[in-house]
Amino acid sequence: MAENYEEALHTKVNRFKAWTKENFPAFSEEDNNGEWCFCDEFFEMYDCSMAIIRNLAAGEATGQMIDDLLFVAARDNEGENFVDELEEHSEWFALLCRRCLQTGYVAAKWQFAKHLPNCKDHDGFNDFKEIIYDFFKTDDEYTDRMALRSLAELYPEQAERYAVDFWERKKYEYDEYQKIMVLHVLFQIHSPKLPHYLALAEKSEYRYLRENAEELCEKLSSDV
């Protein structure tokens, strides 16, 4: 049965790739917000991937099937419905989460980093959740941000150190949203360092960073 599912999914993935090549020839993995890909070919590919997750055990997955499923996850980044479904199938989530790190599917990586805290029902979750640290090695700005957000839930005692590093480093030329995430993580974990970074944010040239700092200051005032 697994062979039939593998063949069906691979056929539908190739049909979607052909549609993409014809209609969006400039598509790349690094530049994809998912808003463009809702066509019949997409939904056929998506439905087939859902059937696999719901009817096969993760242990039956082949290498080709795993790659195609990760391709689907990456294309579904606008709605994140596929990864939402994986939260109900923890063995599949764990398998694909590990394997996505070995691929170039950028939009799959940040989704797994974001959704990891929701998989607490997975057997051995306390060991598995350490994979969050591997997402910091992807050198993708948005994946970094989602990983930091999840770190605040998974390892709050480590989140402050990572948040401060995010603020201080100059890894990305445009880091406004990195700094915004830092503020929210420091707020979430009740870090004593939050006032210092709020003060820096209020003096920043970044508009949205200043606005987020103002909102957090209001929340702090209302909690007193």
C-alpha atoms as a PDB file:
ATOM      1  CA  MET A   1       0.000   0.000   0.000  1.00  0.00           C
ATOM      2  CA  ALA A   2       2.848   2.384   0.786  1.00  0.00           C
ATOM      3  CA  GLU A   3       4.168   2.020  -2.769  1.00  0.00           C
ATOM      4  CA  ASN A   4       0.807   3.058  -4.184  1.00  0.00           C
ATOM      5  CA  TYR A   5       0.687   6.135  -1.983  1.00  0.00           C
ATOM      6  CA  GLU A   6       4.277   7.020  -2.876  1.00  0.00           C
ATOM      7  CA  GLU A   7       3.594   6.810  -6.601  1.00  0.00           C
ATOM      8  CA  ALA A   8       0.346   8.778  -6.354  1.00  0.00           C
ATOM      9  CA  LEU A   9       1.902  11.589  -4.328  1.00  0.00           C
ATOM     10  CA  HIS A  10       4.997  11.838  -6.491  1.00  0.00           C
ATOM     11  CA  THR A  11       2.841  12.057  -9.614  1.00  0.00           C
ATOM     12  CA  LYS A  12       0.761  14.864  -8.120  1.00  0.00           C
ATOM     13  CA  VAL A  13       3.831  16.719  -6.859  1.00  0.00           C
ATOM     14  CA  ASN A  14       5.314  16.607 -10.344  1.00  0.00           C
ATOM     15  CA  ARG A  15       2.064  17.929 -11.818  1.00  0.00           C
ATOM     16  CA  PHE A  16       2.140  20.822  -9.391  1.00  0.00           C
ATOM     17  CA  LYS A  17       5.794  21.515 -10.211  1.00  0.00           C
ATOM     18  CA  ALA A  18       4.904  21.604 -13.897  1.00  0.00           C
ATOM     19  CA  TRP A  19       2.088  24.064 -13.170  1.00  0.00           C
ATOM     20  CA  THR A  20       4.505  26.179 -11.135  1.00  0.00           C
ATOM     21  CA  LYS A  21       7.111  26.195 -13.889  1.00  0.00           C
ATOM     22  CA  GLU A  22       4.534  27.352 -16.404  1.00  0.00           C
ATOM     23  CA  ASN A  23       2.776  29.959 -14.267  1.00  0.00           C
ATOM     24  CA  PHE A  24       5.466  31.131 -11.819  1.00  0.00           C
ATOM     25  CA  PRO A  25       8.834  30.500 -13.469  1.00  0.00           C
ATOM     26  CA  ALA A  26      10.599  32.847 -11.006  1.00  0.00           C
ATOM     27  CA  PHE A  27       9.597  30.729  -7.999  1.00  0.00           C
ATOM     28  CA  SER A  28      12.365  29.770  -5.590  1.00  0.00           C
ATOM     29  CA  GLU A  29      12.448  28.077  -2.187  1.00  0.00           C
ATOM     30  CA  GLU A  30      13.929  31.203  -0.606  1.00  0.00           C
ATOM     31  CA  ASP A  31      11.213  33.518  -1.947  1.00  0.00           C
ATOM     32  CA  ASN A  32       7.830  31.910  -1.400  1.00  0.00           C
ATOM     33  CA  ASN A  33       4.935  33.176   0.721  1.00  0.00           C
ATOM     34  CA  GLY A  34       2.558  30.467  -0.472  1.00  0.00           C
ATOM     35  CA  GLU A  35      -0.133  32.895  -1.594  1.00  0.00           C
ATOM     36  CA  TRP A  36       0.266  32.009  -5.253  1.00  0.00           C
ATOM     37  CA  CYS A  37      -0.056  28.242  -5.217  1.00  0.00           C
ATOM     38  CA  PHE A  38      -3.749  27.547  -4.693  1.00  0.00           C
ATOM     39  CA  CYS A  39      -4.739  25.706  -7.866  1.00  0.00           C
ATOM     40  CA  ASP A  40      -6.314  22.333  -8.611  1.00  0.00           C
ATOM     41  CA  GLU A  41      -2.863  20.764  -8.796  1.00  0.00           C
ATOM     42  CA  PHE A  42      -2.044  22.078  -5.337  1.00  0.00           C
ATOM     43  CA  PHE A  43      -5.207  20.709  -3.733  1.00  0.00           C
ATOM     44  CA  GLU A  44      -4.778  17.308  -5.380  1.00  0.00           C
ATOM     45  CA  MET A  45      -1.222  17.122  -4.063  1.00  0.00           C
ATOM     46  CA  TYR A  46      -2.332  18.342  -0.631  1.00  0.00           C
ATOM     47  CA  ASP A  47      -5.227  15.853  -0.358  1.00  0.00           C
ATOM     48  CA  CYS A  48      -2.936  12.984  -1.275  1.00  0.00           C
ATOM     49  CA  SER A  49      -0.434  14.005   1.390  1.00  0.00           C
ATOM     50  CA  MET A  50      -3.207  14.130   3.981  1.00  0.00           C
ATOM     51  CA  ALA A  51      -4.314  10.633   3.017  1.00  0.00           C
ATOM     52  CA  ILE A  52      -0.801   9.366   3.606  1.00  0.00           C
ATOM     53  CA  ILE A  53      -0.519  10.917   7.055  1.00  0.00           C
ATOM     54  CA  ARG A  54      -3.898   9.577   8.088  1.00  0.00           C
ATOM     55  CA  ASN A  55      -3.593   6.067   6.665  1.00  0.00           C
ATOM     56  CA  LEU A  56       0.067   5.087   6.862  1.00  0.00           C
ATOM     57  CA  ALA A  57       2.375   4.706   9.824  1.00  0.00           C
ATOM     58  CA  ALA A  58       5.449   6.919   9.785  1.00  0.00           C
ATOM     59  CA  GLY A  59       7.605   3.802   9.748  1.00  0.00           C
ATOM     60  CA  GLU A  60       6.269   2.962   6.286  1.00  0.00           C
ATOM     61  CA  ALA A  61       7.563   6.176   4.748  1.00  0.00           C
ATOM     62  CA  THR A  62      10.080   5.968   1.928  1.00  0.00           C
ATOM     63  CA  GLY A  63      12.734   8.536   1.143  1.00  0.00           C
ATOM     64  CA  GLN A  64      10.817   9.787  -1.884  1.00  0.00           C
ATOM     65  CA  MET A  65       7.611  10.039   0.096  1.00  0.00           C
ATOM     66  CA  ILE A  66       9.318  12.043   2.850  1.00  0.00           C
ATOM     67  CA  ASP A  67      10.803  14.484   0.353  1.00  0.00           C
ATOM     68  CA  ASP A  68       7.449  14.959  -1.376  1.00  0.00           C
ATOM     69  CA  LEU A  69       5.636  15.476   1.929  1.00  0.00           C
ATOM     70  CA  LEU A  70       8.145  18.133   2.934  1.00  0.00           C
ATOM     71  CA  PHE A  71       7.647  19.797  -0.440  1.00  0.00           C
ATOM     72  CA  VAL A  72       3.910  19.907   0.278  1.00  0.00           C
ATOM     73  CA  ALA A  73       4.500  21.318   3.761  1.00  0.00           C
ATOM     74  CA  ALA A  74       6.680  24.065   2.322  1.00  0.00           C
ATOM     75  CA  ARG A  75       4.110  25.033  -0.304  1.00  0.00           C
ATOM     76  CA  ASP A  76       1.316  25.094   2.306  1.00  0.00           C
ATOM     77  CA  ASN A  77       3.048  27.789   4.346  1.00  0.00           C
ATOM     78  CA  GLU A  78       0.243  30.304   3.856  1.00  0.00           C
ATOM     79  CA  GLY A  79      -2.289  28.249   5.824  1.00  0.00           C
ATOM     80  CA  GLU A  80       0.015  25.838   7.687  1.00  0.00           C
ATOM     81  CA  ASN A  81      -2.800  23.298   7.544  1.00  0.00           C
ATOM     82  CA  PHE A  82      -0.549  20.365   6.720  1.00  0.00           C
ATOM     83  CA  VAL A  83       1.733  20.926   9.710  1.00  0.00           C
ATOM     84  CA  ASP A  84      -1.358  21.566  11.859  1.00  0.00           C
ATOM     85  CA  GLU A  85      -2.543  18.090  10.894  1.00  0.00           C
ATOM     86  CA  LEU A  86       0.862  16.629  11.729  1.00  0.00           C
ATOM     87  CA  GLU A  87       0.406  17.765  15.320  1.00  0.00           C
ATOM     88  CA  GLU A  88      -2.238  15.034  15.583  1.00  0.00           C
ATOM     89  CA  HIS A  89       0.196  12.439  14.208  1.00  0.00           C
ATOM     90  CA  SER A  90       3.234  12.836  16.417  1.00  0.00           C
ATOM     91  CA  GLU A  91       5.369  10.122  14.821  1.00  0.00           C
ATOM     92  CA  TRP A  92       4.942  11.736  11.430  1.00  0.00           C
ATOM     93  CA  PHE A  93       5.667  15.146  12.905  1.00  0.00           C
ATOM     94  CA  ALA A  94       8.879  13.894  14.518  1.00  0.00           C
ATOM     95  CA  LEU A  95      10.036  12.158  11.348  1.00  0.00           C
ATOM     96  CA  LEU A  96       9.401  15.089   9.030  1.00  0.00           C
ATOM     97  CA  CYS A  97      10.685  17.620  11.543  1.00  0.00           C
ATOM     98  CA  ARG A  98      14.043  15.840  11.698  1.00  0.00           C
ATOM     99  CA  ARG A  99      14.275  15.321   7.958  1.00  0.00           C
ATOM    100  CA  CYS A 100      13.332  18.876   6.964  1.00  0.00           C
ATOM    101  CA  LEU A 101      16.600  20.085   8.472  1.00  0.00           C
ATOM    102  CA  GLN A 102      18.457  18.063   5.840  1.00  0.00           C
ATOM    103  CA  THR A 103      16.624  19.740   2.953  1.00  0.00           C
ATOM    104  CA  GLY A 104      16.410  23.131   1.321  1.00  0.00           C
ATOM    105  CA  TYR A 105      12.706  23.510   2.095  1.00  0.00           C
ATOM    106  CA  VAL A 106      12.940  26.816   3.937  1.00  0.00           C
ATOM    107  CA  ALA A 107       9.197  27.254   4.386  1.00  0.00           C
ATOM    108  CA  ALA A 108       8.920  23.809   5.945  1.00  0.00           C
ATOM    109  CA  LYS A 109      11.700  24.505   8.440  1.00  0.00           C
ATOM    110  CA  TRP A 110      10.129  27.576   9.992  1.00  0.00           C
ATOM    111  CA  GLN A 111       6.764  25.826  10.284  1.00  0.00           C
ATOM    112  CA  PHE A 112       8.272  22.906  12.187  1.00  0.00           C
ATOM    113  CA  ALA A 113      10.205  25.300  14.414  1.00  0.00           C
ATOM    114  CA  LYS A 114       6.991  27.211  15.120  1.00  0.00           C
ATOM    115  CA  HIS A 115       4.778  24.182  15.761  1.00  0.00           C
ATOM    116  CA  LEU A 116       7.219  22.114  17.823  1.00  0.00           C
ATOM    117  CA  PRO A 117       5.833  23.234  21.236  1.00  0.00           C
ATOM    118  CA  ASN A 118       2.415  21.859  20.244  1.00  0.00           C
ATOM    119  CA  CYS A 119       3.648  18.261  20.052  1.00  0.00           C
ATOM    120  CA  LYS A 120       3.872  17.499  23.756  1.00  0.00           C
ATOM    121  CA  ASP A 121       1.918  14.251  23.283  1.00  0.00           C
ATOM    122  CA  HIS A 122       4.816  12.745  21.357  1.00  0.00           C
ATOM    123  CA  ASP A 123       6.462   9.885  23.242  1.00  0.00           C
ATOM    124  CA  GLY A 124       9.923  10.996  24.296  1.00  0.00           C
ATOM    125  CA  PHE A 125       9.035  14.648  23.745  1.00  0.00           C
ATOM    126  CA  ASN A 126      11.445  15.836  26.446  1.00  0.00           C
ATOM    127  CA  ASP A 127      14.334  14.481  24.403  1.00  0.00           C
ATOM    128  CA  PHE A 128      12.870  15.267  20.998  1.00  0.00           C
ATOM    129  CA  LYS A 129      12.252  18.946  21.753  1.00  0.00           C
ATOM    130  CA  GLU A 130      16.010  19.551  21.872  1.00  0.00           C
ATOM    131  CA  ILE A 131      15.831  19.626  18.090  1.00  0.00           C
ATOM    132  CA  ILE A 132      14.715  23.259  18.414  1.00  0.00           C
ATOM    133  CA  TYR A 133      18.368  24.235  18.770  1.00  0.00           C
ATOM    134  CA  ASP A 134      19.121  22.818  15.313  1.00  0.00           C
ATOM    135  CA  PHE A 135      16.752  25.334  13.743  1.00  0.00           C
ATOM    136  CA  PHE A 136      19.044  28.149  14.870  1.00  0.00           C
ATOM    137  CA  LYS A 137      21.657  26.742  12.475  1.00  0.00           C
ATOM    138  CA  THR A 138      19.585  27.157   9.311  1.00  0.00           C
ATOM    139  CA  ASP A 139      20.775  30.720   8.590  1.00  0.00           C
ATOM    140  CA  ASP A 140      17.230  31.714   7.676  1.00  0.00           C
ATOM    141  CA  GLU A 141      15.938  34.869   9.344  1.00  0.00           C
ATOM    142  CA  TYR A 142      12.316  33.801   9.724  1.00  0.00           C
ATOM    143  CA  THR A 143      13.213  30.307  10.922  1.00  0.00           C
ATOM    144  CA  ASP A 144      15.451  31.920  13.537  1.00  0.00           C
ATOM    145  CA  ARG A 145      12.545  34.024  14.752  1.00  0.00           C
ATOM    146  CA  MET A 146      10.122  31.119  14.978  1.00  0.00           C
ATOM    147  CA  ALA A 147      12.732  29.041  16.793  1.00  0.00           C
ATOM    148  CA  LEU A 148      13.297  31.788  19.345  1.00  0.00           C
ATOM    149  CA  ARG A 149       9.565  32.069  19.951  1.00  0.00           C
ATOM    150  CA  SER A 150       9.318  28.317  20.507  1.00  0.00           C
ATOM    151  CA  LEU A 151      12.392  28.311  22.728  1.00  0.00           C
ATOM    152  CA  ALA A 152      10.555  30.606  25.136  1.00  0.00           C
ATOM    153  CA  GLU A 153       7.956  27.855  25.576  1.00  0.00           C
ATOM    154  CA  LEU A 154      10.250  24.842  25.475  1.00  0.00           C
ATOM    155  CA  TYR A 155      13.254  26.118  27.420  1.00  0.00           C
ATOM    156  CA  PRO A 156      12.314  29.457  29.015  1.00  0.00           C
ATOM    157  CA  GLU A 157      15.435  29.316  31.164  1.00  0.00           C
ATOM    158  CA  GLN A 158      17.542  29.472  27.990  1.00  0.00           C
ATOM    159  CA  ALA A 159      15.432  31.961  26.063  1.00  0.00           C
ATOM    160  CA  GLU A 160      16.860  35.109  27.663  1.00  0.00           C
ATOM    161  CA  ARG A 161      20.411  34.284  26.600  1.00  0.00           C
ATOM    162  CA  TYR A 162      19.339  33.597  23.039  1.00  0.00           C
ATOM    163  CA  ALA A 163      17.132  36.694  22.918  1.00  0.00           C
ATOM    164  CA  VAL A 164      19.970  38.959  24.013  1.00  0.00           C
ATOM    165  CA  ASP A 165      22.221  37.383  21.401  1.00  0.00           C
ATOM    166  CA  PHE A 166      19.569  37.968  18.742  1.00  0.00           C
ATOM    167  CA  TRP A 167      19.468  41.643  19.630  1.00  0.00           C
ATOM    168  CA  GLU A 168      23.202  42.214  19.846  1.00  0.00           C
ATOM    169  CA  ARG A 169      24.354  40.223  16.835  1.00  0.00           C
ATOM    170  CA  LYS A 170      24.379  41.706  13.364  1.00  0.00           C
ATOM    171  CA  LYS A 171      23.654  38.511  11.476  1.00  0.00           C
ATOM    172  CA  TYR A 172      21.039  39.977   9.133  1.00  0.00           C
ATOM    173  CA  GLU A 173      21.212  43.338   7.408  1.00  0.00           C
ATOM    174  CA  TYR A 174      17.558  44.019   8.221  1.00  0.00           C
ATOM    175  CA  ASP A 175      16.852  42.920  11.787  1.00  0.00           C
ATOM    176  CA  GLU A 176      13.783  44.889  12.866  1.00  0.00           C
ATOM    177  CA  TYR A 177      11.587  41.816  13.193  1.00  0.00           C
ATOM    178  CA  GLN A 178      14.343  39.908  14.972  1.00  0.00           C
ATOM    179  CA  LYS A 179      14.384  42.650  17.608  1.00  0.00           C
ATOM    180  CA  ILE A 180      10.590  42.714  17.830  1.00  0.00           C
ATOM    181  CA  MET A 181      10.626  38.995  18.606  1.00  0.00           C
ATOM    182  CA  VAL A 182      13.284  39.612  21.255  1.00  0.00           C
ATOM    183  CA  LEU A 183      11.009  42.054  23.060  1.00  0.00           C
ATOM    184  CA  HIS A 184       8.064  39.665  23.033  1.00  0.00           C
ATOM    185  CA  VAL A 185      10.158  36.740  24.239  1.00  0.00           C
ATOM    186  CA  LEU A 186      11.654  38.781  27.079  1.00  0.00           C
ATOM    187  CA  PHE A 187       8.128  39.881  27.985  1.00  0.00           C
ATOM    188  CA  GLN A 188       6.829  36.309  27.866  1.00  0.00           C
ATOM    189  CA  ILE A 189       9.516  34.936  30.187  1.00  0.00           C
ATOM    190  CA  HIS A 190       9.309  37.961  32.551  1.00  0.00           C
ATOM    191  CA  SER A 191      12.963  38.770  31.999  1.00  0.00           C
ATOM    192  CA  PRO A 192      14.479  41.516  34.194  1.00  0.00           C
ATOM    193  CA  LYS A 193      16.356  42.652  31.075  1.00  0.00           C
ATOM    194  CA  LEU A 194      13.180  43.665  29.283  1.00  0.00           C
ATOM    195  CA  PRO A 195      13.182  47.346  30.462  1.00  0.00           C
ATOM    196  CA  HIS A 196      16.689  47.838  29.061  1.00  0.00           C
ATOM    197  CA  TYR A 197      15.732  46.580  25.618  1.00  0.00           C
ATOM    198  CA  LEU A 198      12.423  48.436  25.650  1.00  0.00           C
ATOM    199  CA  ALA A 199      14.387  51.636  26.215  1.00  0.00           C
ATOM    200  CA  LEU A 200      16.669  50.830  23.294  1.00  0.00           C
ATOM    201  CA  ALA A 201      13.687  50.016  21.103  1.00  0.00           C
ATOM    202  CA  GLU A 202      11.969  53.304  21.890  1.00  0.00           C
ATOM    203  CA  LYS A 203      15.014  55.139  20.495  1.00  0.00           C
ATOM    204  CA  SER A 204      15.285  52.960  17.416  1.00  0.00           C
ATOM    205  CA  GLU A 205      14.841  54.173  13.856  1.00  0.00           C
ATOM    206  CA  TYR A 206      12.626  51.152  13.253  1.00  0.00           C
ATOM    207  CA  ARG A 207       8.967  52.209  13.321  1.00  0.00           C
ATOM    208  CA  TYR A 208       7.398  48.834  14.087  1.00  0.00           C
ATOM    209  CA  LEU A 209       9.977  48.087  16.757  1.00  0.00           C
ATOM    210  CA  ARG A 210       9.087  51.359  18.492  1.00  0.00           C
ATOM    211  CA  GLU A 211       5.362  50.591  18.216  1.00  0.00           C
ATOM    212  CA  ASN A 212       5.821  47.136  19.716  1.00  0.00           C
ATOM    213  CA  ALA A 213       7.886  48.594  22.548  1.00  0.00           C
ATOM    214  CA  GLU A 214       5.137  51.091  23.297  1.00  0.00           C
ATOM    215  CA  GLU A 215       2.497  48.352  23.381  1.00  0.00           C
ATOM    216  CA  LEU A 216       4.575  46.235  25.755  1.00  0.00           C
ATOM    217  CA  CYS A 217       5.223  49.206  28.005  1.00  0.00           C
ATOM    218  CA  GLU A 218       1.455  49.749  28.222  1.00  0.00           C
ATOM    219  CA  LYS A 219       0.946  46.091  29.112  1.00  0.00           C
ATOM    220  CA  LEU A 220       3.571  46.338  31.831  1.00  0.00           C
ATOM    221  CA  SER A 221       1.915  49.448  33.216  1.00  0.00           C
ATOM    222  CA  SER A 222      -1.503  47.829  33.273  1.00  0.00           C
ATOM    223  CA  ASP A 223      -0.113  44.785  35.120  1.00  0.00           C
ATOM    224  CA  VAL A 224       1.290  46.859  37.960  1.00  0.00           C
END
